[in-house]
Amino acid sequence: MADPRPTNINLHQKSRVLEIDFDDGSQFKYSTEFLRVHSPSAEVRGHGPGEETLQVGKSDVNITGIEPVGVYAVKLVFDDSHDSGLYTWSYLYDLGINYDAKWTNYLQRLKDAGHKHAELN
């Protein structure tokens, strides 16, 4: 079976939420901060396991552009000038399915590194 593909992508800039409907009936809402800190770029993920860079101070980041890349991905342009990394449909779907666990893990990593987040106060 092929990976689910988006049928609708809607950016709510005021609330900083990207909403994506997939052709299997799934619908996910991603905060722009979540998408920024989970960017698939080498700047964030590194070039191998253990090379990830913890992203801090991204709670107010927003998306200023969504650029299609072929029929398999989008490039998200953030207002902090970050625009590298391609968000494939399968990566976005995985982020949606695992949103809660990934967000909780990110918040814990921030706390462990001594950084504060509004949700941790």
PDB file of N, CA and C in Angstrom:
ATOM      1  N   MET A   1       0.849  -1.187   0.000  1.00  0.00           N
ATOM      2  CA  MET A   1       0.000   0.000   0.000  1.00  0.00           C
ATOM      3  C   MET A   1       0.889   1.243   0.000  1.00  0.00           C
ATOM      4  N   ALA A   2       0.515   2.214  -0.784  1.00  0.00           N
ATOM      5  CA  ALA A   2       1.274   3.456  -0.881  1.00  0.00           C
ATOM      6  C   ALA A   2       1.095   4.294   0.386  1.00  0.00           C
ATOM      7  N   ASP A   3       2.099   5.112   0.656  1.00  0.00           N
ATOM      8  CA  ASP A   3       1.995   6.025   1.796  1.00  0.00           C
ATOM      9  C   ASP A   3       0.832   6.979   1.591  1.00  0.00           C
ATOM     10  N   PRO A   4       0.143   7.357   2.670  1.00  0.00           N
ATOM     11  CA  PRO A   4      -0.926   8.350   2.556  1.00  0.00           C
ATOM     12  C   PRO A   4      -0.392   9.656   1.974  1.00  0.00           C
ATOM     13  N   ARG A   5      -1.242  10.302   1.187  1.00  0.00           N
ATOM     14  CA  ARG A   5      -0.877  11.573   0.554  1.00  0.00           C
ATOM     15  C   ARG A   5      -1.866  12.644   1.000  1.00  0.00           C
ATOM     16  N   PRO A   6      -1.394  13.884   1.114  1.00  0.00           N
ATOM     17  CA  PRO A   6      -2.290  14.970   1.525  1.00  0.00           C
ATOM     18  C   PRO A   6      -3.368  15.253   0.485  1.00  0.00           C
ATOM     19  N   THR A   7      -4.550  15.550   0.984  1.00  0.00           N
ATOM     20  CA  THR A   7      -5.631  16.005   0.111  1.00  0.00           C
ATOM     21  C   THR A   7      -5.914  17.484   0.339  1.00  0.00           C
ATOM     22  N   ASN A   8      -5.445  18.004   1.483  1.00  0.00           N
ATOM     23  CA  ASN A   8      -5.654  19.412   1.813  1.00  0.00           C
ATOM     24  C   ASN A   8      -4.576  19.847   2.809  1.00  0.00           C
ATOM     25  N   ILE A   9      -4.001  21.010   2.538  1.00  0.00           N
ATOM     26  CA  ILE A   9      -3.022  21.607   3.450  1.00  0.00           C
ATOM     27  C   ILE A   9      -3.483  23.024   3.712  1.00  0.00           C
ATOM     28  N   ASN A  10      -3.664  23.361   4.991  1.00  0.00           N
ATOM     29  CA  ASN A  10      -4.191  24.671   5.348  1.00  0.00           C
ATOM     30  C   ASN A  10      -3.349  25.270   6.478  1.00  0.00           C
ATOM     31  N   LEU A  11      -2.763  26.421   6.217  1.00  0.00           N
ATOM     32  CA  LEU A  11      -1.967  27.113   7.228  1.00  0.00           C
ATOM     33  C   LEU A  11      -2.823  28.170   7.901  1.00  0.00           C
ATOM     34  N   HIS A  12      -2.893  28.086   9.218  1.00  0.00           N
ATOM     35  CA  HIS A  12      -3.591  29.083  10.027  1.00  0.00           C
ATOM     36  C   HIS A  12      -2.501  29.943  10.681  1.00  0.00           C
ATOM     37  N   GLN A  13      -2.119  31.021  10.011  1.00  0.00           N
ATOM     38  CA  GLN A  13      -0.992  31.817  10.488  1.00  0.00           C
ATOM     39  C   GLN A  13      -1.256  32.470  11.835  1.00  0.00           C
ATOM     40  N   LYS A  14      -2.466  32.927  12.059  1.00  0.00           N
ATOM     41  CA  LYS A  14      -2.759  33.611  13.317  1.00  0.00           C
ATOM     42  C   LYS A  14      -2.554  32.686  14.516  1.00  0.00           C
ATOM     43  N   SER A  15      -3.048  31.446  14.409  1.00  0.00           N
ATOM     44  CA  SER A  15      -2.891  30.489  15.509  1.00  0.00           C
ATOM     45  C   SER A  15      -1.610  29.660  15.375  1.00  0.00           C
ATOM     46  N   ARG A  16      -0.873  29.867  14.292  1.00  0.00           N
ATOM     47  CA  ARG A  16       0.381  29.169  14.022  1.00  0.00           C
ATOM     48  C   ARG A  16       0.188  27.650  14.039  1.00  0.00           C
ATOM     49  N   VAL A  17      -0.766  27.199  13.222  1.00  0.00           N
ATOM     50  CA  VAL A  17      -1.074  25.773  13.107  1.00  0.00           C
ATOM     51  C   VAL A  17      -1.166  25.416  11.627  1.00  0.00           C
ATOM     52  N   LEU A  18      -0.506  24.308  11.263  1.00  0.00           N
ATOM     53  CA  LEU A  18      -0.622  23.762   9.921  1.00  0.00           C
ATOM     54  C   LEU A  18      -1.492  22.520  10.024  1.00  0.00           C
ATOM     55  N   GLU A  19      -2.553  22.498   9.239  1.00  0.00           N
ATOM     56  CA  GLU A  19      -3.514  21.397   9.254  1.00  0.00           C
ATOM     57  C   GLU A  19      -3.406  20.642   7.939  1.00  0.00           C
ATOM     58  N   ILE A  20      -3.255  19.332   8.029  1.00  0.00           N
ATOM     59  CA  ILE A  20      -3.133  18.516   6.825  1.00  0.00           C
ATOM     60  C   ILE A  20      -4.119  17.352   6.896  1.00  0.00           C
ATOM     61  N   ASP A  21      -4.913  17.205   5.831  1.00  0.00           N
ATOM     62  CA  ASP A  21      -5.810  16.060   5.669  1.00  0.00           C
ATOM     63  C   ASP A  21      -5.127  15.087   4.721  1.00  0.00           C
ATOM     64  N   PHE A  22      -5.162  13.795   5.060  1.00  0.00           N
ATOM     65  CA  PHE A  22      -4.575  12.767   4.214  1.00  0.00           C
ATOM     66  C   PHE A  22      -5.666  11.918   3.576  1.00  0.00           C
ATOM     67  N   ASP A  23      -5.303  11.257   2.469  1.00  0.00           N
ATOM     68  CA  ASP A  23      -6.292  10.499   1.704  1.00  0.00           C
ATOM     69  C   ASP A  23      -6.771   9.226   2.396  1.00  0.00           C
ATOM     70  N   ASP A  24      -6.205   8.880   3.554  1.00  0.00           N
ATOM     71  CA  ASP A  24      -6.714   7.736   4.313  1.00  0.00           C
ATOM     72  C   ASP A  24      -7.724   8.172   5.370  1.00  0.00           C
ATOM     73  N   GLY A  25      -8.072   9.479   5.357  1.00  0.00           N
ATOM     74  CA  GLY A  25      -9.023  10.017   6.315  1.00  0.00           C
ATOM     75  C   GLY A  25      -8.395  10.643   7.546  1.00  0.00           C
ATOM     76  N   SER A  26      -7.080  10.498   7.702  1.00  0.00           N
ATOM     77  CA  SER A  26      -6.391  11.102   8.846  1.00  0.00           C
ATOM     78  C   SER A  26      -6.313  12.611   8.682  1.00  0.00           C
ATOM     79  N   GLN A  27      -6.382  13.305   9.798  1.00  0.00           N
ATOM     80  CA  GLN A  27      -6.201  14.755   9.813  1.00  0.00           C
ATOM     81  C   GLN A  27      -5.282  15.084  10.984  1.00  0.00           C
ATOM     82  N   PHE A  28      -4.262  15.862  10.700  1.00  0.00           N
ATOM     83  CA  PHE A  28      -3.310  16.242  11.737  1.00  0.00           C
ATOM     84  C   PHE A  28      -3.180  17.749  11.795  1.00  0.00           C
ATOM     85  N   LYS A  29      -2.986  18.246  13.016  1.00  0.00           N
ATOM     86  CA  LYS A  29      -2.719  19.662  13.241  1.00  0.00           C
ATOM     87  C   LYS A  29      -1.364  19.753  13.918  1.00  0.00           C
ATOM     88  N   TYR A  30      -0.470  20.507  13.303  1.00  0.00           N
ATOM     89  CA  TYR A  30       0.888  20.654  13.793  1.00  0.00           C
ATOM     90  C   TYR A  30       1.119  22.108  14.170  1.00  0.00           C
ATOM     91  N   SER A  31       1.669  22.357  15.353  1.00  0.00           N
ATOM     92  CA  SER A  31       2.069  23.729  15.656  1.00  0.00           C
ATOM     93  C   SER A  31       3.280  24.050  14.786  1.00  0.00           C
ATOM     94  N   THR A  32       3.423  25.312  14.432  1.00  0.00           N
ATOM     95  CA  THR A  32       4.575  25.693  13.614  1.00  0.00           C
ATOM     96  C   THR A  32       5.874  25.484  14.395  1.00  0.00           C
ATOM     97  N   GLU A  33       5.823  25.663  15.709  1.00  0.00           N
ATOM     98  CA  GLU A  33       7.008  25.397  16.529  1.00  0.00           C
ATOM     99  C   GLU A  33       7.394  23.924  16.423  1.00  0.00           C
ATOM    100  N   PHE A  34       6.424  23.035  16.527  1.00  0.00           N
ATOM    101  CA  PHE A  34       6.684  21.596  16.409  1.00  0.00           C
ATOM    102  C   PHE A  34       7.357  21.274  15.087  1.00  0.00           C
ATOM    103  N   LEU A  35       6.823  21.825  13.998  1.00  0.00           N
ATOM    104  CA  LEU A  35       7.409  21.557  12.688  1.00  0.00           C
ATOM    105  C   LEU A  35       8.814  22.121  12.577  1.00  0.00           C
ATOM    106  N   ARG A  36       9.045  23.287  13.169  1.00  0.00           N
ATOM    107  CA  ARG A  36      10.376  23.905  13.097  1.00  0.00           C
ATOM    108  C   ARG A  36      11.404  23.093  13.875  1.00  0.00           C
ATOM    109  N   VAL A  37      11.054  22.653  15.074  1.00  0.00           N
ATOM    110  CA  VAL A  37      12.025  21.921  15.892  1.00  0.00           C
ATOM    111  C   VAL A  37      12.218  20.484  15.412  1.00  0.00           C
ATOM    112  N   HIS A  38      11.305  19.997  14.572  1.00  0.00           N
ATOM    113  CA  HIS A  38      11.440  18.663  13.984  1.00  0.00           C
ATOM    114  C   HIS A  38      11.760  18.751  12.489  1.00  0.00           C
ATOM    115  N   SER A  39      12.382  19.827  12.094  1.00  0.00           N
ATOM    116  CA  SER A  39      12.770  19.983  10.696  1.00  0.00           C
ATOM    117  C   SER A  39      13.650  18.816  10.254  1.00  0.00           C
ATOM    118  N   PRO A  40      13.412  18.312   9.048  1.00  0.00           N
ATOM    119  CA  PRO A  40      14.242  17.217   8.552  1.00  0.00           C
ATOM    120  C   PRO A  40      15.597  17.697   8.007  1.00  0.00           C
ATOM    121  N   SER A  41      15.941  18.937   8.231  1.00  0.00           N
ATOM    122  CA  SER A  41      17.192  19.489   7.705  1.00  0.00           C
ATOM    123  C   SER A  41      18.404  18.951   8.461  1.00  0.00           C
ATOM    124  N   ALA A  42      19.549  18.983   7.813  1.00  0.00           N
ATOM    125  CA  ALA A  42      20.804  18.583   8.455  1.00  0.00           C
ATOM    126  C   ALA A  42      21.143  19.538   9.595  1.00  0.00           C
ATOM    127  N   GLU A  43      20.721  20.787   9.483  1.00  0.00           N
ATOM    128  CA  GLU A  43      20.966  21.775  10.546  1.00  0.00           C
ATOM    129  C   GLU A  43      20.347  21.323  11.866  1.00  0.00           C
ATOM    130  N   VAL A  44      19.206  20.666  11.794  1.00  0.00           N
ATOM    131  CA  VAL A  44      18.494  20.210  12.993  1.00  0.00           C
ATOM    132  C   VAL A  44      18.833  18.753  13.309  1.00  0.00           C
ATOM    133  N   ARG A  45      18.766  17.894  12.316  1.00  0.00           N
ATOM    134  CA  ARG A  45      18.942  16.454  12.531  1.00  0.00           C
ATOM    135  C   ARG A  45      20.392  15.998  12.527  1.00  0.00           C
ATOM    136  N   GLY A  46      21.283  16.821  12.003  1.00  0.00           N
ATOM    137  CA  GLY A  46      22.675  16.414  11.875  1.00  0.00           C
ATOM    138  C   GLY A  46      22.835  15.473  10.697  1.00  0.00           C
ATOM    139  N   HIS A  47      23.996  14.858  10.627  1.00  0.00           N
ATOM    140  CA  HIS A  47      24.280  13.941   9.521  1.00  0.00           C
ATOM    141  C   HIS A  47      24.287  12.486   9.957  1.00  0.00           C
ATOM    142  N   GLY A  48      23.885  12.244  11.198  1.00  0.00           N
ATOM    143  CA  GLY A  48      23.833  10.883  11.705  1.00  0.00           C
ATOM    144  C   GLY A  48      23.315  10.870  13.124  1.00  0.00           C
ATOM    145  N   PRO A  49      23.068   9.685  13.664  1.00  0.00           N
ATOM    146  CA  PRO A  49      22.564   9.560  15.029  1.00  0.00           C
ATOM    147  C   PRO A  49      23.480  10.268  16.030  1.00  0.00           C
ATOM    148  N   GLY A  50      22.873  10.968  16.963  1.00  0.00           N
ATOM    149  CA  GLY A  50      23.622  11.667  17.995  1.00  0.00           C
ATOM    150  C   GLY A  50      24.119  13.043  17.584  1.00  0.00           C
ATOM    151  N   GLU A  51      23.862  13.440  16.352  1.00  0.00           N
ATOM    152  CA  GLU A  51      24.323  14.748  15.875  1.00  0.00           C
ATOM    153  C   GLU A  51      23.209  15.791  15.857  1.00  0.00           C
ATOM    154  N   GLU A  52      22.051  15.456  16.424  1.00  0.00           N
ATOM    155  CA  GLU A  52      20.925  16.371  16.433  1.00  0.00           C
ATOM    156  C   GLU A  52      21.277  17.639  17.214  1.00  0.00           C
ATOM    157  N   THR A  53      20.699  18.756  16.789  1.00  0.00           N
ATOM    158  CA  THR A  53      20.885  20.024  17.498  1.00  0.00           C
ATOM    159  C   THR A  53      19.555  20.431  18.103  1.00  0.00           C
ATOM    160  N   LEU A  54      19.516  20.552  19.422  1.00  0.00           N
ATOM    161  CA  LEU A  54      18.299  20.956  20.122  1.00  0.00           C
ATOM    162  C   LEU A  54      17.948  22.384  19.707  1.00  0.00           C
ATOM    163  N   GLN A  55      16.741  22.571  19.247  1.00  0.00           N
ATOM    164  CA  GLN A  55      16.260  23.879  18.810  1.00  0.00           C
ATOM    165  C   GLN A  55      15.585  24.569  19.988  1.00  0.00           C
ATOM    166  N   VAL A  56      16.054  25.750  20.336  1.00  0.00           N
ATOM    167  CA  VAL A  56      15.484  26.486  21.461  1.00  0.00           C
ATOM    168  C   VAL A  56      14.984  27.846  20.993  1.00  0.00           C
ATOM    169  N   GLY A  57      14.046  28.415  21.756  1.00  0.00           N
ATOM    170  CA  GLY A  57      13.533  29.743  21.445  1.00  0.00           C
ATOM    171  C   GLY A  57      12.691  29.808  20.186  1.00  0.00           C
ATOM    172  N   LYS A  58      11.969  28.749  19.876  1.00  0.00           N
ATOM    173  CA  LYS A  58      11.180  28.698  18.639  1.00  0.00           C
ATOM    174  C   LYS A  58       9.675  28.796  18.884  1.00  0.00           C
ATOM    175  N   SER A  59       9.267  29.160  20.101  1.00  0.00           N
ATOM    176  CA  SER A  59       7.836  29.160  20.422  1.00  0.00           C
ATOM    177  C   SER A  59       7.035  30.183  19.623  1.00  0.00           C
ATOM    178  N   ASP A  60       7.661  31.235  19.142  1.00  0.00           N
ATOM    179  CA  ASP A  60       6.937  32.250  18.379  1.00  0.00           C
ATOM    180  C   ASP A  60       7.165  32.160  16.872  1.00  0.00           C
ATOM    181  N   VAL A  61       7.845  31.114  16.420  1.00  0.00           N
ATOM    182  CA  VAL A  61       8.134  30.986  14.994  1.00  0.00           C
ATOM    183  C   VAL A  61       6.843  30.746  14.214  1.00  0.00           C
ATOM    184  N   ASN A  62       6.821  31.234  12.979  1.00  0.00           N
ATOM    185  CA  ASN A  62       5.664  31.018  12.116  1.00  0.00           C
ATOM    186  C   ASN A  62       6.139  30.595  10.741  1.00  0.00           C
ATOM    187  N   ILE A  63       5.240  30.079   9.955  1.00  0.00           N
ATOM    188  CA  ILE A  63       5.526  29.685   8.582  1.00  0.00           C
ATOM    189  C   ILE A  63       5.084  30.824   7.672  1.00  0.00           C
ATOM    190  N   THR A  64       5.983  31.241   6.794  1.00  0.00           N
ATOM    191  CA  THR A  64       5.660  32.320   5.857  1.00  0.00           C
ATOM    192  C   THR A  64       5.444  31.808   4.445  1.00  0.00           C
ATOM    193  N   GLY A  65       5.815  30.564   4.189  1.00  0.00           N
ATOM    194  CA  GLY A  65       5.625  30.018   2.857  1.00  0.00           C
ATOM    195  C   GLY A  65       5.634  28.502   2.854  1.00  0.00           C
ATOM    196  N   ILE A  66       4.870  27.940   1.933  1.00  0.00           N
ATOM    197  CA  ILE A  66       4.824  26.497   1.711  1.00  0.00           C
ATOM    198  C   ILE A  66       5.050  26.292   0.229  1.00  0.00           C
ATOM    199  N   GLU A  67       6.166  25.650  -0.116  1.00  0.00           N
ATOM    200  CA  GLU A  67       6.531  25.466  -1.515  1.00  0.00           C
ATOM    201  C   GLU A  67       6.479  23.988  -1.876  1.00  0.00           C
ATOM    202  N   PRO A  68       5.667  23.618  -2.878  1.00  0.00           N
ATOM    203  CA  PRO A  68       5.613  22.214  -3.288  1.00  0.00           C
ATOM    204  C   PRO A  68       6.941  21.777  -3.899  1.00  0.00           C
ATOM    205  N   VAL A  69       7.302  20.530  -3.632  1.00  0.00           N
ATOM    206  CA  VAL A  69       8.505  19.934  -4.218  1.00  0.00           C
ATOM    207  C   VAL A  69       8.062  18.644  -4.897  1.00  0.00           C
ATOM    208  N   GLY A  70       7.978  18.688  -6.205  1.00  0.00           N
ATOM    209  CA  GLY A  70       7.492  17.529  -6.944  1.00  0.00           C
ATOM    210  C   GLY A  70       6.120  17.117  -6.457  1.00  0.00           C
ATOM    211  N   VAL A  71       5.900  15.816  -6.392  1.00  0.00           N
ATOM    212  CA  VAL A  71       4.623  15.283  -5.918  1.00  0.00           C
ATOM    213  C   VAL A  71       4.796  14.529  -4.602  1.00  0.00           C
ATOM    214  N   TYR A  72       5.924  14.784  -3.917  1.00  0.00           N
ATOM    215  CA  TYR A  72       6.227  13.987  -2.738  1.00  0.00           C
ATOM    216  C   TYR A  72       6.526  14.782  -1.467  1.00  0.00           C
ATOM    217  N   ALA A  73       6.618  16.124  -1.557  1.00  0.00           N
ATOM    218  CA  ALA A  73       7.059  16.884  -0.386  1.00  0.00           C
ATOM    219  C   ALA A  73       6.706  18.357  -0.504  1.00  0.00           C
ATOM    220  N   VAL A  74       6.941  19.071   0.605  1.00  0.00           N
ATOM    221  CA  VAL A  74       6.870  20.528   0.614  1.00  0.00           C
ATOM    222  C   VAL A  74       8.108  21.053   1.347  1.00  0.00           C
ATOM    223  N   LYS A  75       8.475  22.270   0.986  1.00  0.00           N
ATOM    224  CA  LYS A  75       9.508  22.984   1.724  1.00  0.00           C
ATOM    225  C   LYS A  75       8.780  24.061   2.505  1.00  0.00           C
ATOM    226  N   LEU A  76       8.991  24.072   3.817  1.00  0.00           N
ATOM    227  CA  LEU A  76       8.370  25.076   4.667  1.00  0.00           C
ATOM    228  C   LEU A  76       9.367  26.204   4.901  1.00  0.00           C
ATOM    229  N   VAL A  77       8.897  27.427   4.741  1.00  0.00           N
ATOM    230  CA  VAL A  77       9.729  28.607   4.960  1.00  0.00           C
ATOM    231  C   VAL A  77       9.264  29.243   6.266  1.00  0.00           C
ATOM    232  N   PHE A  78      10.180  29.338   7.222  1.00  0.00           N
ATOM    233  CA  PHE A  78       9.860  29.878   8.537  1.00  0.00           C
ATOM    234  C   PHE A  78      10.341  31.321   8.647  1.00  0.00           C
ATOM    235  N   ASP A  79       9.691  32.084   9.520  1.00  0.00           N
ATOM    236  CA  ASP A  79      10.037  33.502   9.653  1.00  0.00           C
ATOM    237  C   ASP A  79      11.334  33.753  10.413  1.00  0.00           C
ATOM    238  N   ASP A  80      12.006  32.676  10.853  1.00  0.00           N
ATOM    239  CA  ASP A  80      13.338  32.840  11.451  1.00  0.00           C
ATOM    240  C   ASP A  80      14.427  32.548  10.414  1.00  0.00           C
ATOM    241  N   SER A  81      14.046  32.568   9.141  1.00  0.00           N
ATOM    242  CA  SER A  81      14.921  32.360   7.981  1.00  0.00           C
ATOM    243  C   SER A  81      15.275  30.896   7.727  1.00  0.00           C
ATOM    244  N   HIS A  82      14.727  29.974   8.494  1.00  0.00           N
ATOM    245  CA  HIS A  82      14.992  28.549   8.253  1.00  0.00           C
ATOM    246  C   HIS A  82      14.113  28.088   7.096  1.00  0.00           C
ATOM    247  N   ASP A  83      14.741  27.503   6.078  1.00  0.00           N
ATOM    248  CA  ASP A  83      13.966  27.013   4.936  1.00  0.00           C
ATOM    249  C   ASP A  83      14.613  25.794   4.289  1.00  0.00           C
ATOM    250  N   SER A  84      15.455  25.083   5.050  1.00  0.00           N
ATOM    251  CA  SER A  84      16.068  23.888   4.474  1.00  0.00           C
ATOM    252  C   SER A  84      15.387  22.647   5.041  1.00  0.00           C
ATOM    253  N   GLY A  85      15.487  21.581   4.305  1.00  0.00           N
ATOM    254  CA  GLY A  85      14.840  20.336   4.703  1.00  0.00           C
ATOM    255  C   GLY A  85      13.514  20.176   3.984  1.00  0.00           C
ATOM    256  N   LEU A  86      13.303  19.013   3.431  1.00  0.00           N
ATOM    257  CA  LEU A  86      12.061  18.722   2.721  1.00  0.00           C
ATOM    258  C   LEU A  86      11.161  17.852   3.592  1.00  0.00           C
ATOM    259  N   TYR A  87       9.963  18.305   3.777  1.00  0.00           N
ATOM    260  CA  TYR A  87       8.970  17.572   4.551  1.00  0.00           C
ATOM    261  C   TYR A  87       8.202  16.672   3.580  1.00  0.00           C
ATOM    262  N   THR A  88       8.636  15.408   3.498  1.00  0.00           N
ATOM    263  CA  THR A  88       7.948  14.467   2.612  1.00  0.00           C
ATOM    264  C   THR A  88       6.591  14.115   3.212  1.00  0.00           C
ATOM    265  N   TRP A  89       5.714  13.597   2.372  1.00  0.00           N
ATOM    266  CA  TRP A  89       4.389  13.211   2.868  1.00  0.00           C
ATOM    267  C   TRP A  89       4.526  12.150   3.957  1.00  0.00           C
ATOM    268  N   SER A  90       5.430  11.187   3.764  1.00  0.00           N
ATOM    269  CA  SER A  90       5.574  10.131   4.774  1.00  0.00           C
ATOM    270  C   SER A  90       6.133  10.695   6.082  1.00  0.00           C
ATOM    271  N   TYR A  91       7.048  11.691   6.001  1.00  0.00           N
ATOM    272  CA  TYR A  91       7.588  12.292   7.222  1.00  0.00           C
ATOM    273  C   TYR A  91       6.499  13.078   7.950  1.00  0.00           C
ATOM    274  N   LEU A  92       5.702  13.846   7.217  1.00  0.00           N
ATOM    275  CA  LEU A  92       4.608  14.606   7.835  1.00  0.00           C
ATOM    276  C   LEU A  92       3.578  13.666   8.465  1.00  0.00           C
ATOM    277  N   TYR A  93       3.297  12.567   7.791  1.00  0.00           N
ATOM    278  CA  TYR A  93       2.353  11.595   8.333  1.00  0.00           C
ATOM    279  C   TYR A  93       2.906  10.997   9.630  1.00  0.00           C
ATOM    280  N   ASP A  94       4.184  10.624   9.624  1.00  0.00           N
ATOM    281  CA  ASP A  94       4.825  10.091  10.820  1.00  0.00           C
ATOM    282  C   ASP A  94       4.804  11.106  11.957  1.00  0.00           C
ATOM    283  N   LEU A  95       5.082  12.372  11.645  1.00  0.00           N
ATOM    284  CA  LEU A  95       5.021  13.416  12.674  1.00  0.00           C
ATOM    285  C   LEU A  95       3.616  13.522  13.260  1.00  0.00           C
ATOM    286  N   GLY A  96       2.608  13.388  12.408  1.00  0.00           N
ATOM    287  CA  GLY A  96       1.226  13.465  12.882  1.00  0.00           C
ATOM    288  C   GLY A  96       0.851  12.298  13.770  1.00  0.00           C
ATOM    289  N   ILE A  97       1.200  11.094  13.340  1.00  0.00           N
ATOM    290  CA  ILE A  97       0.888   9.890  14.109  1.00  0.00           C
ATOM    291  C   ILE A  97       1.582   9.921  15.474  1.00  0.00           C
ATOM    292  N   ASN A  98       2.794  10.436  15.508  1.00  0.00           N
ATOM    293  CA  ASN A  98       3.614  10.405  16.725  1.00  0.00           C
ATOM    294  C   ASN A  98       3.751  11.768  17.395  1.00  0.00           C
ATOM    295  N   TYR A  99       2.843  12.685  17.084  1.00  0.00           N
ATOM    296  CA  TYR A  99       2.938  14.071  17.565  1.00  0.00           C
ATOM    297  C   TYR A  99       3.124  14.153  19.080  1.00  0.00           C
ATOM    298  N   ASP A 100       2.236  13.522  19.827  1.00  0.00           N
ATOM    299  CA  ASP A 100       2.269  13.642  21.288  1.00  0.00           C
ATOM    300  C   ASP A 100       3.589  13.144  21.870  1.00  0.00           C
ATOM    301  N   ALA A 101       4.042  11.988  21.431  1.00  0.00           N
ATOM    302  CA  ALA A 101       5.292  11.432  21.955  1.00  0.00           C
ATOM    303  C   ALA A 101       6.486  12.299  21.577  1.00  0.00           C
ATOM    304  N   LYS A 102       6.502  12.774  20.335  1.00  0.00           N
ATOM    305  CA  LYS A 102       7.620  13.618  19.892  1.00  0.00           C
ATOM    306  C   LYS A 102       7.619  14.960  20.621  1.00  0.00           C
ATOM    307  N   TRP A 103       6.446  15.528  20.856  1.00  0.00           N
ATOM    308  CA  TRP A 103       6.362  16.803  21.561  1.00  0.00           C
ATOM    309  C   TRP A 103       6.806  16.646  23.014  1.00  0.00           C
ATOM    310  N   THR A 104       6.338  15.588  23.664  1.00  0.00           N
ATOM    311  CA  THR A 104       6.731  15.324  25.050  1.00  0.00           C
ATOM    312  C   THR A 104       8.239  15.126  25.151  1.00  0.00           C
ATOM    313  N   ASN A 105       8.806  14.388  24.207  1.00  0.00           N
ATOM    314  CA  ASN A 105      10.252  14.156  24.186  1.00  0.00           C
ATOM    315  C   ASN A 105      11.006  15.469  24.001  1.00  0.00           C
ATOM    316  N   TYR A 106      10.526  16.323  23.109  1.00  0.00           N
ATOM    317  CA  TYR A 106      11.164  17.625  22.876  1.00  0.00           C
ATOM    318  C   TYR A 106      11.136  18.478  24.152  1.00  0.00           C
ATOM    319  N   LEU A 107       9.991  18.544  24.806  1.00  0.00           N
ATOM    320  CA  LEU A 107       9.883  19.324  26.037  1.00  0.00           C
ATOM    321  C   LEU A 107      10.819  18.790  27.113  1.00  0.00           C
ATOM    322  N   GLN A 108      10.952  17.473  27.200  1.00  0.00           N
ATOM    323  CA  GLN A 108      11.863  16.882  28.182  1.00  0.00           C
ATOM    324  C   GLN A 108      13.319  17.211  27.851  1.00  0.00           C
ATOM    325  N   ARG A 109      13.657  17.164  26.574  1.00  0.00           N
ATOM    326  CA  ARG A 109      15.023  17.509  26.165  1.00  0.00           C
ATOM    327  C   ARG A 109      15.330  18.969  26.487  1.00  0.00           C
ATOM    328  N   LEU A 110      14.353  19.858  26.285  1.00  0.00           N
ATOM    329  CA  LEU A 110      14.546  21.265  26.654  1.00  0.00           C
ATOM    330  C   LEU A 110      14.817  21.382  28.152  1.00  0.00           C
ATOM    331  N   LYS A 111      13.972  20.727  28.937  1.00  0.00           N
ATOM    332  CA  LYS A 111      14.107  20.786  30.400  1.00  0.00           C
ATOM    333  C   LYS A 111      15.456  20.239  30.846  1.00  0.00           C
ATOM    334  N   ASP A 112      15.837  19.092  30.288  1.00  0.00           N
ATOM    335  CA  ASP A 112      17.115  18.473  30.649  1.00  0.00           C
ATOM    336  C   ASP A 112      18.301  19.369  30.314  1.00  0.00           C
ATOM    337  N   ALA A 113      18.146  20.201  29.262  1.00  0.00           N
ATOM    338  CA  ALA A 113      19.225  21.102  28.844  1.00  0.00           C
ATOM    339  C   ALA A 113      19.181  22.426  29.583  1.00  0.00           C
ATOM    340  N   GLY A 114      18.197  22.572  30.499  1.00  0.00           N
ATOM    341  CA  GLY A 114      18.114  23.787  31.303  1.00  0.00           C
ATOM    342  C   GLY A 114      17.375  24.938  30.651  1.00  0.00           C
ATOM    343  N   HIS A 115      16.583  24.637  29.636  1.00  0.00           N
ATOM    344  CA  HIS A 115      15.807  25.671  28.947  1.00  0.00           C
ATOM    345  C   HIS A 115      14.357  25.617  29.407  1.00  0.00           C
ATOM    346  N   LYS A 116      13.739  26.775  29.434  1.00  0.00           N
ATOM    347  CA  LYS A 116      12.338  26.853  29.832  1.00  0.00           C
ATOM    348  C   LYS A 116      11.442  26.958  28.606  1.00  0.00           C
ATOM    349  N   HIS A 117      10.260  26.411  28.736  1.00  0.00           N
ATOM    350  CA  HIS A 117       9.234  26.502  27.695  1.00  0.00           C
ATOM    351  C   HIS A 117       7.946  26.828  28.425  1.00  0.00           C
ATOM    352  N   ALA A 118       7.070  27.565  27.798  1.00  0.00           N
ATOM    353  CA  ALA A 118       5.808  27.977  28.430  1.00  0.00           C
ATOM    354  C   ALA A 118       5.037  26.767  28.979  1.00  0.00           C
ATOM    355  N   GLU A 119       5.093  25.640  28.276  1.00  0.00           N
ATOM    356  CA  GLU A 119       4.367  24.447  28.728  1.00  0.00           C
ATOM    357  C   GLU A 119       5.018  23.800  29.951  1.00  0.00           C
ATOM    358  N   LEU A 120       6.256  24.154  30.244  1.00  0.00           N
ATOM    359  CA  LEU A 120       6.952  23.545  31.380  1.00  0.00           C
ATOM    360  C   LEU A 120       6.803  24.358  32.653  1.00  0.00           C
ATOM    361  N   ASN A 121       6.222  25.530  32.563  1.00  0.00           N
ATOM    362  CA  ASN A 121       6.075  26.403  33.750  1.00  0.00           C
ATOM    363  C   ASN A 121       4.795  26.112  34.489  1.00  0.00           C
TER     364      ASN A 121
END
